[in-house]
Amino acid sequence: MPATQLSSDGVMGNEESEISKNCHIYLICERPAISFDKNDFSYDGKAISGSIIYKIDGIDFREKFTQEFPLLDDAIELKLSNYPHREIQTFNKRGECVRYLPASALSLAYRADSHDHIFRKLKVLYVGQAFGNGSRTAQVRLKSHSTLQKILAEASYNSPDSEIFVSTFEYPPYRLFTSLDGISKGAIGDKRDSARFVSIIENPLKTNEQISLAEAALIRYFQPHYNKIYKKKFPSMDLKVLNRCYEYDYSALFVEINTEELELSLYSESISPAMHHIANIDLVDHQSRSSFFHMPGYDGKQVKFMPAIGSANNDEE
């Protein structure tokens, strides 16, 4: 959603509201600001048509569109909002605005077939969480979030052709993956190995711990401009967020983020655009012991590999 909607009086539907309550990881992102060109906008009673316009590095771009647009909820009139013409609005006979269509929303629907288009790319500026006591949603926290206000202020000054969006994500209970080393002669093969695995099973991470790990791994992965912690010193045994992982001797952490259902790509200054990202975090020093991503090869030297764990929409392991 556009960040401006966080301070609006809009109300989510019941289904959307329920989904929102389960989303405690949020990304603050940037995308070109989209407007309607009032000079070629038209409405024939059935469909709207015209151009949506945007800028990249000060250079003007435009995309033609035609879209069916019936008047609903007793609306009798349709017109563009005032400059910069970011919305199409409909009004009833009392002059009340009953519906609106942002140019940003139209641009997403119009370019759904082109995943490489700038409309479908969100640059990650900040990763955060709004877990609290489990009842506070990302939207509630962000309404008074100082970093969001800073990003909005700096964007209006440094990036006047951009718009700030907020994307929220739900992380269901984590899954455990195991790997077996059948090559190393020095691998532990007694009860200590099975006891370690049983300990991990019997002491599951709490929900707030899972959310904190997801946040930290995504920050380390995307290296967002406005995040300060976890960008360089993650993982580290000094970090409280990893205490339980080290206590029970987890070897690695995978955190996925998937925007395929939205048909949007996420990227940052250090990560290329993609709809599916996996942050792979080694929690052990592979120089001193085999890790999840490193195993001894036939010559005894450590070999790095990437286990196949499937996409976020795939339940098979």
Protein backbone atom coordinates (compact mmCIF):
# COMPACT_ATOMS: atom_id res chain seq x y z
CA MET A 1 0.00 0.00 0.00
CA PRO A 2 1.13 3.59 -0.52
CA ALA A 3 2.49 4.98 2.75
CA THR A 4 0.00 7.85 2.53
CA GLN A 5 -2.84 5.40 3.19
CA LEU A 6 -1.52 4.74 6.68
CA SER A 7 -2.72 8.17 7.80
CA SER A 8 -6.00 8.05 5.88
CA ASP A 9 -9.43 7.29 7.32
CA GLY A 10 -9.80 4.25 5.08
CA VAL A 11 -11.03 0.98 6.59
CA MET A 12 -9.96 -2.46 5.41
CA GLY A 13 -12.48 -5.16 4.63
CA ASN A 14 -12.83 -8.02 7.12
CA GLU A 15 -10.73 -10.45 5.07
CA GLU A 16 -7.95 -7.94 4.42
CA SER A 17 -7.98 -6.84 8.06
CA GLU A 18 -7.56 -10.43 9.27
CA ILE A 19 -4.61 -10.96 6.93
CA SER A 20 -3.08 -7.68 8.08
CA LYS A 21 -3.18 -8.77 11.73
CA ASN A 22 -0.93 -11.72 10.92
CA CYS A 23 1.70 -9.63 9.11
CA HIS A 24 4.44 -8.48 11.46
CA ILE A 25 7.33 -8.01 9.04
CA TYR A 26 7.16 -4.90 6.87
CA LEU A 27 9.30 -3.41 4.14
CA ILE A 28 9.36 0.30 3.41
CA CYS A 29 9.98 0.57 -0.33
CA GLU A 30 10.34 3.14 -3.07
CA ARG A 31 8.86 3.27 -6.58
CA PRO A 32 8.32 6.03 -9.16
CA ALA A 33 5.33 8.23 -8.37
CA ILE A 34 2.54 7.78 -10.92
CA SER A 35 0.07 10.45 -12.05
CA PHE A 36 -2.63 10.86 -14.68
CA ASP A 37 -2.11 13.24 -17.58
CA LYS A 38 -5.13 15.55 -17.46
CA ASN A 39 -4.58 16.64 -21.08
CA ASP A 40 -5.57 13.32 -22.64
CA PHE A 41 -7.79 11.83 -19.93
CA SER A 42 -11.32 10.93 -21.00
CA TYR A 43 -14.39 9.00 -19.82
CA ASP A 44 -17.16 7.85 -22.15
CA GLY A 45 -19.52 6.56 -19.46
CA LYS A 46 -18.14 3.02 -19.65
CA ALA A 47 -14.35 3.23 -19.73
CA ILE A 48 -11.55 5.60 -18.80
CA SER A 49 -8.59 6.17 -21.09
CA GLY A 50 -5.52 8.35 -21.26
CA SER A 51 -1.93 8.24 -20.06
CA ILE A 52 -0.20 7.58 -16.76
CA ILE A 53 3.01 9.55 -16.39
CA TYR A 54 6.12 9.20 -14.23
CA LYS A 55 9.74 10.30 -14.07
CA ILE A 56 13.04 8.48 -13.64
CA ASP A 57 16.05 10.69 -12.88
CA GLY A 58 14.03 13.68 -14.10
CA ILE A 59 13.19 12.12 -17.48
CA ASP A 60 9.49 11.92 -18.39
CA PHE A 61 7.83 8.61 -19.32
CA ARG A 62 4.23 7.78 -20.14
CA GLU A 63 2.06 4.72 -20.67
CA LYS A 64 -1.28 4.66 -22.49
CA PHE A 65 -4.22 2.88 -20.86
CA THR A 66 -7.89 2.01 -21.34
CA GLN A 67 -9.89 0.55 -18.47
CA GLU A 68 -13.58 -0.24 -17.88
CA PHE A 69 -14.86 1.94 -15.07
CA PRO A 70 -18.57 1.72 -14.12
CA LEU A 71 -20.04 4.29 -11.74
CA LEU A 72 -20.99 2.52 -8.50
CA ASP A 73 -22.43 3.42 -5.09
CA ASP A 74 -24.83 6.04 -6.52
CA ALA A 75 -22.00 7.94 -8.20
CA ILE A 76 -23.09 10.29 -10.97
CA GLU A 77 -19.81 12.06 -11.80
CA LEU A 78 -16.17 11.17 -12.40
CA LYS A 79 -13.12 13.45 -12.49
CA LEU A 80 -9.41 13.64 -11.78
CA SER A 81 -8.14 14.83 -8.43
CA ASN A 82 -6.31 18.13 -8.21
CA TYR A 83 -2.64 18.41 -9.21
CA PRO A 84 -0.57 16.21 -9.29
CA HIS A 85 -3.63 14.23 -10.49
CA ARG A 86 -2.84 11.02 -8.61
CA GLU A 87 -6.44 9.75 -8.42
CA ILE A 88 -9.65 9.24 -10.37
CA GLN A 89 -12.57 10.10 -8.10
CA THR A 90 -16.32 9.50 -8.36
CA PHE A 91 -18.97 11.63 -6.65
CA ASN A 92 -22.64 11.19 -5.77
CA LYS A 93 -25.34 13.82 -6.25
CA ARG A 94 -24.44 15.40 -2.89
CA GLY A 95 -20.90 16.00 -4.11
CA GLU A 96 -19.40 13.35 -1.81
CA CYS A 97 -16.45 11.30 -3.04
CA VAL A 98 -17.62 7.68 -2.90
CA ARG A 99 -14.80 5.87 -4.73
CA TYR A 100 -11.31 6.57 -6.01
CA LEU A 101 -8.69 4.82 -8.12
CA PRO A 102 -5.03 5.77 -7.52
CA ALA A 103 -2.79 5.97 -10.56
CA SER A 104 -0.35 3.71 -8.70
CA ALA A 105 -2.98 0.94 -8.46
CA LEU A 106 -3.91 1.28 -12.12
CA SER A 107 -0.27 1.07 -13.13
CA LEU A 108 0.12 -2.27 -11.35
CA ALA A 109 -2.95 -3.75 -13.02
CA TYR A 110 -1.96 -2.40 -16.40
CA ARG A 111 1.57 -3.80 -16.38
CA ALA A 112 0.85 -7.19 -14.77
CA ASP A 113 2.26 -8.97 -17.82
CA SER A 114 5.70 -7.34 -17.62
CA HIS A 115 7.69 -8.35 -14.55
CA ASP A 116 10.70 -6.31 -15.63
CA HIS A 117 8.76 -3.04 -15.88
CA ILE A 118 9.64 -0.29 -13.42
CA PHE A 119 6.02 -0.32 -12.19
CA ARG A 120 6.56 -3.79 -10.76
CA LYS A 121 9.82 -3.14 -8.91
CA LEU A 122 10.02 -2.04 -5.28
CA LYS A 123 13.33 -0.82 -3.89
CA VAL A 124 13.75 -1.90 -0.26
CA LEU A 125 14.71 1.04 1.94
CA TYR A 126 13.96 -0.38 5.40
CA VAL A 127 13.03 -3.71 7.01
CA GLY A 128 11.19 -3.74 10.32
CA GLN A 129 8.85 -5.68 12.54
CA ALA A 130 5.78 -4.79 14.57
CA PHE A 131 5.41 -7.77 16.82
CA GLY A 132 4.96 -6.09 20.19
CA ASN A 133 2.70 -8.31 22.30
CA GLY A 134 1.36 -10.10 19.24
CA SER A 135 -1.61 -7.80 18.76
CA ARG A 136 -0.05 -4.70 17.22
CA THR A 137 -0.01 -4.77 13.42
CA ALA A 138 2.57 -3.24 11.12
CA GLN A 139 0.04 -0.61 10.03
CA VAL A 140 -0.60 0.50 13.62
CA ARG A 141 3.10 0.79 14.41
CA LEU A 142 3.94 2.61 11.19
CA LYS A 143 1.40 5.37 11.77
CA SER A 144 3.79 6.87 14.34
CA HIS A 145 7.05 5.32 13.16
CA SER A 146 9.92 7.82 13.28
CA THR A 147 11.95 6.08 10.56
CA LEU A 148 9.00 6.11 8.16
CA GLN A 149 8.51 9.83 8.81
CA LYS A 150 12.21 10.39 8.14
CA ILE A 151 12.02 8.41 4.90
CA LEU A 152 8.95 10.35 3.76
CA ALA A 153 10.60 13.67 4.57
CA GLU A 154 13.87 12.81 2.81
CA ALA A 155 12.07 11.29 -0.19
CA SER A 156 10.05 14.45 -0.76
CA TYR A 157 13.29 16.46 -0.74
CA ASN A 158 15.80 14.11 -2.42
CA SER A 159 13.49 11.96 -4.57
CA PRO A 160 10.48 14.10 -5.52
CA ASP A 161 9.65 11.76 -8.41
CA SER A 162 9.27 8.74 -6.12
CA GLU A 163 6.50 7.37 -3.93
CA ILE A 164 6.91 5.37 -0.71
CA PHE A 165 5.12 2.03 -0.36
CA VAL A 166 4.73 -0.33 2.57
CA SER A 167 4.63 -4.10 2.01
CA THR A 168 3.72 -6.40 4.89
CA PHE A 169 4.44 -10.12 5.20
CA GLU A 170 3.30 -13.04 7.31
CA TYR A 171 5.80 -15.67 8.43
CA PRO A 172 4.15 -18.96 9.43
CA PRO A 173 5.89 -21.34 11.87
CA TYR A 174 9.40 -22.21 10.75
CA ARG A 175 10.47 -25.54 9.26
CA LEU A 176 13.52 -27.56 10.24
CA PHE A 177 15.95 -28.96 7.68
CA THR A 178 18.67 -31.49 8.36
CA SER A 179 21.75 -32.57 6.42
CA LEU A 180 23.81 -35.70 6.98
CA ASP A 181 27.57 -35.87 6.49
CA GLY A 182 28.49 -39.33 5.29
CA ILE A 183 32.03 -38.45 4.27
CA SER A 184 33.84 -36.74 7.14
CA LYS A 185 35.75 -39.16 9.35
CA GLY A 186 35.68 -36.67 12.20
CA ALA A 187 31.89 -36.28 12.31
CA ILE A 188 30.19 -36.90 15.65
CA GLY A 189 28.36 -40.21 15.52
CA ASP A 190 27.46 -40.95 19.14
CA LYS A 191 24.51 -39.90 21.31
CA ARG A 192 25.60 -36.27 21.34
CA ASP A 193 24.38 -35.85 17.76
CA SER A 194 20.90 -37.30 18.36
CA ALA A 195 20.63 -35.45 21.68
CA ARG A 196 21.31 -32.17 19.90
CA PHE A 197 18.55 -32.86 17.37
CA VAL A 198 16.04 -33.89 20.05
CA SER A 199 16.88 -30.74 22.01
CA ILE A 200 16.10 -28.56 19.00
CA ILE A 201 12.77 -30.34 18.47
CA GLU A 202 11.75 -30.13 22.14
CA ASN A 203 12.67 -26.45 22.52
CA PRO A 204 10.99 -24.66 19.62
CA LEU A 205 11.64 -20.99 19.02
CA LYS A 206 8.92 -18.64 20.20
CA THR A 207 6.96 -16.62 17.69
CA ASN A 208 8.63 -13.33 18.62
CA GLU A 209 12.04 -15.01 18.25
CA GLN A 210 11.12 -16.25 14.78
CA ILE A 211 9.98 -12.78 13.70
CA SER A 212 13.15 -11.18 15.05
CA LEU A 213 15.30 -13.69 13.14
CA ALA A 214 13.36 -13.04 9.94
CA GLU A 215 13.86 -9.30 10.35
CA ALA A 216 17.59 -9.63 11.05
CA ALA A 217 18.23 -11.99 8.12
CA LEU A 218 16.33 -9.79 5.66
CA ILE A 219 18.28 -6.73 6.81
CA ARG A 220 21.55 -8.60 6.35
CA TYR A 221 20.41 -9.74 2.91
CA PHE A 222 19.00 -6.53 1.41
CA GLN A 223 21.34 -4.10 3.23
CA PRO A 224 18.60 -1.41 3.25
CA HIS A 225 19.78 2.18 3.37
CA TYR A 226 17.85 3.16 6.51
CA ASN A 227 18.59 0.11 8.69
CA LYS A 228 21.51 0.39 11.07
CA ILE A 229 21.80 -2.88 13.01
CA TYR A 230 22.32 -6.37 11.49
CA LYS A 231 23.68 -4.99 8.20
CA LYS A 232 27.29 -5.96 8.90
CA LYS A 233 27.49 -7.83 12.23
CA PHE A 234 24.97 -10.57 11.58
CA PRO A 235 25.45 -13.33 12.49
CA SER A 236 27.42 -12.81 15.69
CA MET A 237 27.43 -14.61 19.03
CA ASP A 238 27.13 -11.20 20.70
CA LEU A 239 23.64 -10.61 19.28
CA LYS A 240 20.73 -11.34 21.60
CA VAL A 241 18.49 -12.26 18.68
CA LEU A 242 20.69 -15.34 18.05
CA ASN A 243 21.05 -16.49 21.67
CA ARG A 244 18.70 -19.44 21.35
CA CYS A 245 20.12 -20.49 17.99
CA TYR A 246 23.56 -20.77 19.52
CA GLU A 247 22.22 -22.30 22.73
CA TYR A 248 20.72 -25.24 20.84
CA ASP A 249 23.40 -25.28 18.15
CA TYR A 250 21.51 -24.48 14.98
CA SER A 251 23.87 -24.58 11.99
CA ALA A 252 22.16 -22.17 9.62
CA LEU A 253 19.21 -19.91 9.00
CA PHE A 254 17.16 -19.64 5.80
CA VAL A 255 14.70 -16.76 5.43
CA GLU A 256 12.65 -16.52 2.25
CA ILE A 257 10.56 -13.63 1.00
CA ASN A 258 8.23 -14.13 -1.92
CA THR A 259 6.16 -11.62 -3.89
CA GLU A 260 5.09 -13.87 -6.76
CA GLU A 261 1.40 -13.61 -5.86
CA LEU A 262 1.69 -9.83 -6.09
CA GLU A 263 3.72 -10.10 -9.31
CA LEU A 264 6.16 -7.58 -7.87
CA SER A 265 9.94 -7.70 -7.60
CA LEU A 266 11.97 -6.59 -4.60
CA TYR A 267 15.49 -5.23 -4.89
CA SER A 268 18.01 -2.97 -3.18
CA GLU A 269 21.29 -1.29 -3.96
CA SER A 270 23.09 -4.62 -3.42
CA ILE A 271 20.43 -7.15 -4.54
CA SER A 272 19.01 -7.52 -8.06
CA PRO A 273 15.22 -7.46 -8.65
CA ALA A 274 13.46 -10.80 -8.14
CA MET A 275 10.12 -12.07 -6.90
CA HIS A 276 11.71 -14.79 -4.74
CA HIS A 277 14.67 -14.14 -2.46
CA ILE A 278 16.42 -16.47 0.00
CA ALA A 279 18.71 -15.15 2.72
CA ASN A 280 21.16 -17.93 3.64
CA ILE A 281 22.91 -17.30 6.95
CA ASP A 282 25.68 -19.60 8.20
CA LEU A 283 25.72 -19.68 12.01
CA VAL A 284 28.95 -21.62 12.42
CA ASP A 285 32.50 -21.06 11.26
CA HIS A 286 32.95 -23.51 8.40
CA GLN A 287 36.72 -23.28 8.85
CA SER A 288 36.50 -25.00 12.22
CA ARG A 289 33.53 -27.35 11.61
CA SER A 290 31.22 -28.41 8.82
CA SER A 291 28.31 -26.03 8.39
CA PHE A 292 24.98 -26.41 6.64
CA PHE A 293 26.44 -24.84 3.50
CA HIS A 294 29.95 -26.33 3.72
CA MET A 295 30.94 -29.97 3.81
CA PRO A 296 34.26 -31.72 3.33
CA GLY A 297 34.86 -32.89 -0.22
CA TYR A 298 36.60 -36.09 -1.20
CA ASP A 299 39.95 -34.33 -0.87
CA GLY A 300 39.12 -33.24 2.68
CA LYS A 301 38.74 -29.56 1.79
CA GLN A 302 35.57 -27.63 2.63
CA VAL A 303 33.18 -27.35 -0.32
CA LYS A 304 30.35 -24.83 -0.37
CA PHE A 305 27.01 -25.98 -1.72
CA MET A 306 23.45 -24.67 -1.75
CA PRO A 307 20.77 -27.10 -0.57
CA ALA A 308 17.51 -27.07 -2.56
CA ILE A 309 14.76 -26.00 -0.21
CA GLY A 310 12.02 -25.15 -2.72
CA SER A 311 9.98 -22.00 -3.19
CA ALA A 312 7.90 -20.33 -0.50
CA ASN A 313 4.74 -21.72 -2.15
CA ASN A 314 6.03 -25.30 -2.17
CA ASP A 315 5.27 -27.47 0.85
CA GLU A 316 7.63 -30.23 -0.23
CA GLU A 317 11.03 -30.39 1.45
